N, C-alpha and C. Protein backbone atom coordinates (compact mmCIF):
# COMPACT_ATOMS: atom_id res chain seq x y z
N UNK A 1 -6.06 -15.87 -2.35
CA UNK A 1 -6.33 -14.92 -1.86
C UNK A 1 -7.86 -14.97 -1.54
N UNK A 2 -8.25 -14.42 -0.87
CA UNK A 2 -9.96 -14.60 -0.18
C UNK A 2 -10.19 -12.39 -1.01
N UNK A 3 -11.59 -12.61 -1.01
CA UNK A 3 -11.67 -10.90 -1.26
C UNK A 3 -12.38 -11.03 -2.83
N UNK A 4 -13.85 -10.54 -2.60
CA UNK A 4 -14.59 -9.91 -3.58
C UNK A 4 -15.11 -8.86 -3.68
N UNK A 5 -15.89 -8.61 -5.19
CA UNK A 5 -16.30 -7.49 -5.27
C UNK A 5 -17.02 -7.13 -3.92
N UNK A 6 -17.96 -7.84 -3.20
CA UNK A 6 -19.01 -7.87 -2.10
C UNK A 6 -17.57 -6.77 -1.13
N UNK A 7 -16.54 -7.43 -1.06
CA UNK A 7 -15.52 -6.93 0.01
C UNK A 7 -14.72 -5.88 -0.19
N UNK A 8 -15.11 -5.50 -1.58
CA UNK A 8 -14.67 -4.38 -2.10
C UNK A 8 -15.53 -3.07 -2.03
N UNK A 9 -16.83 -3.74 -2.27
CA UNK A 9 -17.78 -2.35 -1.83
C UNK A 9 -17.67 -2.20 -0.62
N UNK A 10 -17.56 -3.09 0.23
CA UNK A 10 -17.88 -2.63 1.91
C UNK A 10 -17.15 -1.61 2.27
N UNK A 11 -15.66 -1.32 1.63
CA UNK A 11 -15.01 0.29 1.65
C UNK A 11 -13.51 -0.63 3.13
N UNK A 12 -12.98 0.54 2.89
CA UNK A 12 -12.32 0.33 4.08
C UNK A 12 -12.85 0.52 5.70
N UNK A 13 -14.05 0.82 6.17
CA UNK A 13 -14.26 1.11 7.34
C UNK A 13 -14.25 -0.44 8.00
N UNK A 14 -14.29 -1.33 7.03
CA UNK A 14 -14.43 -2.86 7.36
C UNK A 14 -13.03 -3.15 7.55
N UNK A 15 -11.94 -2.61 7.68
CA UNK A 15 -10.38 -3.02 7.83
C UNK A 15 -10.47 -2.28 9.23
N UNK A 16 -9.40 -3.25 10.02
CA UNK A 16 -9.11 -2.59 11.43
C UNK A 16 -7.79 -1.56 11.17
N UNK A 17 -8.37 -0.68 10.67
CA UNK A 17 -7.35 0.71 10.53
C UNK A 17 -7.35 1.80 11.57
N UNK A 18 -6.70 2.24 11.86
CA UNK A 18 -6.67 3.55 12.71
C UNK A 18 -7.49 4.34 12.50
N UNK A 19 -8.31 5.31 13.04
CA UNK A 19 -9.51 6.28 12.98
C UNK A 19 -8.70 7.51 11.84
N UNK A 20 -7.40 7.88 12.58
CA UNK A 20 -7.08 8.66 11.30
C UNK A 20 -6.94 8.13 10.05
N UNK A 21 -6.22 6.95 10.03
CA UNK A 21 -6.43 6.73 8.42
C UNK A 21 -7.27 6.33 7.84
N UNK A 22 -8.43 6.04 8.32
CA UNK A 22 -9.76 6.18 7.93
C UNK A 22 -10.15 7.21 7.45
N UNK A 23 -10.05 8.38 8.14
CA UNK A 23 -10.60 9.84 7.92
C UNK A 23 -9.53 10.38 6.75
N UNK A 24 -8.05 10.08 6.57
CA UNK A 24 -7.35 10.33 5.85
C UNK A 24 -7.57 9.86 4.49
N UNK A 25 -8.03 8.59 4.56
CA UNK A 25 -8.43 8.00 3.03
C UNK A 25 -9.71 8.49 3.15
N UNK A 26 -10.69 8.84 3.38
CA UNK A 26 -11.91 9.68 2.95
C UNK A 26 -11.63 10.68 2.55
N UNK A 27 -10.90 11.85 3.21
CA UNK A 27 -10.64 13.17 2.99
C UNK A 27 -9.74 12.67 1.45
N UNK A 28 -8.93 11.92 1.11
CA UNK A 28 -8.42 11.60 -0.23
C UNK A 28 -9.34 11.16 -1.27
N UNK A 29 -10.62 10.99 -0.86
CA UNK A 29 -11.29 10.33 -1.67
C UNK A 29 -11.37 8.95 -1.95
N UNK A 30 -10.84 7.94 -1.36
CA UNK A 30 -10.61 6.46 -1.37
C UNK A 30 -12.00 5.94 -0.52
N UNK A 31 -13.17 6.04 -1.29
CA UNK A 31 -14.28 5.10 -0.53
C UNK A 31 -14.58 3.86 -0.51
N UNK A 32 -14.20 3.14 -1.69
CA UNK A 32 -14.07 1.81 -1.69
C UNK A 32 -13.08 1.16 -2.02
N UNK A 33 -12.67 -0.09 -1.77
CA UNK A 33 -11.13 -1.29 -2.13
C UNK A 33 -11.99 -1.17 -3.41
N UNK A 34 -10.39 -1.32 -4.03
CA UNK A 34 -10.21 -2.25 -5.21
C UNK A 34 -10.31 -3.64 -4.59
N UNK A 35 -10.74 -4.89 -5.97
CA UNK A 35 -10.55 -5.86 -6.04
C UNK A 35 -9.37 -6.32 -5.05
N UNK A 36 -8.02 -6.04 -5.85
CA UNK A 36 -6.73 -6.42 -4.95
C UNK A 36 -6.63 -5.67 -3.65
N UNK A 37 -7.06 -4.55 -3.68
CA UNK A 37 -7.01 -4.54 -2.30
C UNK A 37 -7.88 -4.75 -1.14
N UNK A 38 -8.95 -5.17 -1.30
CA UNK A 38 -10.32 -6.35 -0.47
C UNK A 38 -9.48 -7.71 -0.57
N UNK A 39 -8.61 -8.37 -1.59
CA UNK A 39 -7.76 -9.46 -1.42
C UNK A 39 -6.68 -9.75 -0.46
N UNK A 40 -6.16 -8.24 -1.02
CA UNK A 40 -4.65 -8.62 -0.08
C UNK A 40 -4.32 -7.77 1.45
N UNK A 41 -5.50 -6.43 1.70
CA UNK A 41 -5.38 -5.89 2.79
C UNK A 41 -5.85 -6.60 4.15
N UNK A 42 -6.71 -7.35 4.29
CA UNK A 42 -6.91 -8.34 5.57
C UNK A 42 -5.71 -9.14 5.79
N UNK A 43 -5.25 -9.91 4.74
CA UNK A 43 -4.20 -10.64 5.10
C UNK A 43 -2.95 -9.75 5.28
N UNK A 44 -2.35 -8.75 4.73
CA UNK A 44 -1.57 -8.14 4.90
C UNK A 44 -1.61 -7.34 6.42
N UNK A 45 -2.63 -7.11 6.48
CA UNK A 45 -3.21 -6.30 8.07
C UNK A 45 -2.73 -7.38 9.41
N UNK A 46 -3.00 -8.96 9.06
CA UNK A 46 -2.54 -9.46 10.09
C UNK A 46 -1.15 -9.95 10.07
N UNK A 47 -0.42 -9.20 9.02
CA UNK A 47 1.05 -9.47 9.38
C UNK A 47 1.81 -10.14 8.33
N UNK A 48 0.77 -11.12 7.35
CA UNK A 48 1.29 -12.33 6.92
C UNK A 48 1.88 -11.74 5.48
N UNK A 49 2.98 -12.53 4.96
CA UNK A 49 3.53 -12.16 3.75
C UNK A 49 2.49 -12.76 2.59
N UNK A 50 2.59 -11.82 1.64
CA UNK A 50 1.70 -11.94 0.43
C UNK A 50 2.31 -11.85 -0.67
N UNK A 51 1.93 -12.46 -2.27
CA UNK A 51 2.59 -12.01 -3.11
C UNK A 51 1.13 -11.57 -3.83
N UNK A 52 1.22 -10.59 -4.66
CA UNK A 52 -0.25 -10.34 -5.29
C UNK A 52 0.14 -9.81 -6.88
N UNK A 53 -0.59 -10.36 -7.83
CA UNK A 53 -0.53 -9.50 -8.92
C UNK A 53 -1.78 -9.25 -9.62
N UNK A 54 -1.84 -7.75 -10.00
CA UNK A 54 -3.03 -6.87 -10.78
C UNK A 54 -2.58 -5.68 -11.68
N UNK A 55 -3.38 -5.42 -12.72
CA UNK A 55 -2.76 -4.41 -13.94
C UNK A 55 -2.62 -3.29 -13.08
N UNK A 56 -1.48 -2.66 -13.76
CA UNK A 56 -1.13 -1.02 -13.28
C UNK A 56 -2.61 -0.09 -12.92
N UNK A 57 -2.71 0.52 -11.83
CA UNK A 57 -3.62 1.52 -11.63
C UNK A 57 -4.87 0.93 -11.08
N UNK A 58 -4.73 -0.33 -10.26
CA UNK A 58 -5.57 -1.17 -9.87
C UNK A 58 -5.58 -0.95 -8.09
N UNK A 59 -4.37 -0.16 -7.48
CA UNK A 59 -4.47 0.03 -6.34
C UNK A 59 -3.30 -0.59 -5.62
N UNK A 60 -2.68 -1.35 -6.23
CA UNK A 60 -1.15 -1.98 -5.64
C UNK A 60 -0.89 -1.28 -4.31
N UNK A 61 -0.51 -0.52 -4.48
CA UNK A 61 0.71 0.64 -4.27
C UNK A 61 -0.10 0.98 -2.74
N UNK A 62 -1.32 1.80 -2.62
CA UNK A 62 -2.04 1.89 -1.78
C UNK A 62 -2.34 0.65 -0.99
N UNK A 63 -2.58 -0.48 -1.40
CA UNK A 63 -2.86 -1.61 -0.44
C UNK A 63 -1.80 -2.08 0.33
N UNK A 64 -0.35 -2.23 -0.10
CA UNK A 64 1.02 -2.52 0.61
C UNK A 64 1.37 -1.21 1.48
N UNK A 65 1.14 -0.36 1.20
CA UNK A 65 1.80 1.11 2.16
C UNK A 65 0.45 1.05 3.13
N UNK A 66 -0.83 0.84 3.04
CA UNK A 66 -1.55 0.71 3.82
C UNK A 66 -1.42 0.10 4.90
N UNK A 67 -0.93 -1.28 4.73
CA UNK A 67 -0.78 -2.19 5.46
C UNK A 67 0.57 -2.32 6.29
N UNK A 68 1.33 -1.75 5.37
CA UNK A 68 2.75 -1.21 5.81
C UNK A 68 2.83 -0.59 6.95
N UNK A 69 1.85 1.03 6.84
CA UNK A 69 1.90 1.62 7.70
C UNK A 69 0.93 1.40 8.66
N UNK A 70 0.27 0.61 8.99
CA UNK A 70 -0.62 -0.05 9.91
C UNK A 70 -0.01 -0.39 10.94
N UNK A 71 1.06 -1.32 10.47
CA UNK A 71 1.79 -2.28 11.23
C UNK A 71 3.05 -1.61 11.92
N UNK A 72 3.18 -0.12 11.34
CA UNK A 72 4.56 0.32 12.05
C UNK A 72 4.36 0.80 13.28
N UNK A 73 5.46 0.41 14.12
CA UNK A 73 5.51 0.90 15.82
C UNK A 73 6.30 2.28 15.59
N UNK A 74 5.39 3.34 16.06
CA UNK A 74 6.44 4.62 16.06
C UNK A 74 7.60 4.49 16.92
N UNK A 75 7.17 3.75 18.11
CA UNK A 75 8.24 3.86 19.55
C UNK A 75 9.41 3.15 19.32
N UNK A 76 9.39 2.31 17.90
CA UNK A 76 10.63 1.23 17.77
C UNK A 76 11.08 1.85 16.83
N UNK A 77 12.50 2.46 16.89
CA UNK A 77 13.28 2.76 16.28
C UNK A 77 14.53 2.12 15.78
N UNK A 78 13.70 1.27 14.83
CA UNK A 78 14.30 0.10 14.07
C UNK A 78 13.97 -0.32 12.83
N UNK A 79 14.62 -0.78 11.85
CA UNK A 79 13.90 -1.45 10.55
C UNK A 79 12.73 -1.96 10.80
N UNK A 80 11.67 -1.81 10.01
CA UNK A 80 10.20 -2.46 10.80
C UNK A 80 9.77 -3.08 9.84
N UNK A 81 10.26 -2.58 8.22
CA UNK A 81 9.77 -3.06 6.75
C UNK A 81 10.56 -2.58 5.62
N UNK A 82 10.52 -3.82 4.81
CA UNK A 82 11.60 -3.34 3.54
C UNK A 82 10.74 -3.59 2.21
N UNK A 83 10.63 -2.41 1.20
CA UNK A 83 10.12 -2.77 0.30
C UNK A 83 10.69 -3.15 -1.07
N UNK A 84 10.56 -4.07 -1.54
CA UNK A 84 11.17 -4.44 -2.72
C UNK A 84 10.22 -4.14 -4.02
N UNK A 85 11.08 -3.71 -5.19
CA UNK A 85 10.30 -3.04 -6.07
C UNK A 85 11.07 -3.39 -7.53
N UNK A 86 10.11 -4.11 -8.72
CA UNK A 86 10.82 -3.81 -10.04
C UNK A 86 11.12 -2.15 -10.03
N UNK A 87 12.53 -2.18 -10.46
CA UNK A 87 12.36 -0.84 -10.76
C UNK A 87 12.43 -0.21 -12.17
N UNK A 88 12.46 -1.38 -13.32
CA UNK A 88 12.17 -1.18 -14.52
C UNK A 88 11.07 -0.26 -15.09
N UNK A 89 10.00 -0.73 -14.38
CA UNK A 89 8.96 0.12 -14.65
C UNK A 89 8.76 1.14 -14.41
N UNK A 90 9.18 1.94 -13.14
CA UNK A 90 9.47 2.91 -12.64
C UNK A 90 10.31 3.81 -13.40
N UNK A 91 11.79 3.62 -13.17
CA UNK A 91 12.39 4.37 -13.74
C UNK A 91 11.52 4.89 -15.53
N UNK A 92 11.03 4.01 -16.22
CA UNK A 92 10.47 4.11 -17.53
C UNK A 92 9.69 5.31 -17.04
N UNK A 93 9.24 5.23 -15.86
CA UNK A 93 7.84 6.38 -15.81
C UNK A 93 8.39 7.81 -14.79
N UNK A 94 9.64 7.92 -14.44
CA UNK A 94 10.07 8.90 -13.63
C UNK A 94 11.19 9.60 -14.62
N UNK A 95 11.93 10.68 -14.37
CA UNK A 95 13.05 11.13 -15.19
C UNK A 95 14.03 11.04 -14.24
N UNK A 96 14.99 10.97 -14.53
CA UNK A 96 16.12 10.56 -14.00
C UNK A 96 17.46 11.59 -13.72
N UNK A 97 17.85 12.08 -12.62
CA UNK A 97 18.78 13.20 -12.64
C UNK A 97 20.04 12.89 -12.20
N UNK A 98 21.28 13.05 -13.28
CA UNK A 98 22.68 12.85 -12.93
C UNK A 98 23.11 14.10 -12.18
N UNK A 99 23.49 13.57 -10.99
CA UNK A 99 24.17 14.67 -10.27
C UNK A 99 25.99 14.52 -10.28
N UNK A 100 26.59 15.10 -10.20
CA UNK A 100 28.07 14.74 -10.14
C UNK A 100 28.42 14.70 -8.82
N UNK A 101 29.84 14.28 -8.87
CA UNK A 101 30.10 13.31 -7.26
C UNK A 101 30.84 15.40 -6.99
N UNK A 102 31.30 15.59 -8.06
CA UNK A 102 31.90 17.69 -7.75
C UNK A 102 30.78 18.65 -7.58
N UNK A 103 29.69 18.25 -7.65
CA UNK A 103 28.66 19.19 -7.54
C UNK A 103 28.11 18.76 -6.10
N UNK A 104 28.32 18.41 -5.29
CA UNK A 104 27.85 17.86 -4.07
C UNK A 104 28.70 18.90 -3.47
């Protein structure tokens, strides 16, 4: 992947994101990209598949979510994206609630 600390320091404004998305990122306090975001977002925004690995808390979720949202066509009512996730980590961090079929 390409991407460097200089790319990350450049910020999200260097990416081809909608003005509304950039405004939302600024409002949420996202000023600069993390290294994984700088390396993966340009590739993902072009619609290419990629595999990336980075530590927890490095910004991977924002990277794939921004690319996914940027490439959605709101006028197309069909499946446009699929997210596959390893659930073991997520399940260990979440509370599982069991719902009985008789309570529904």
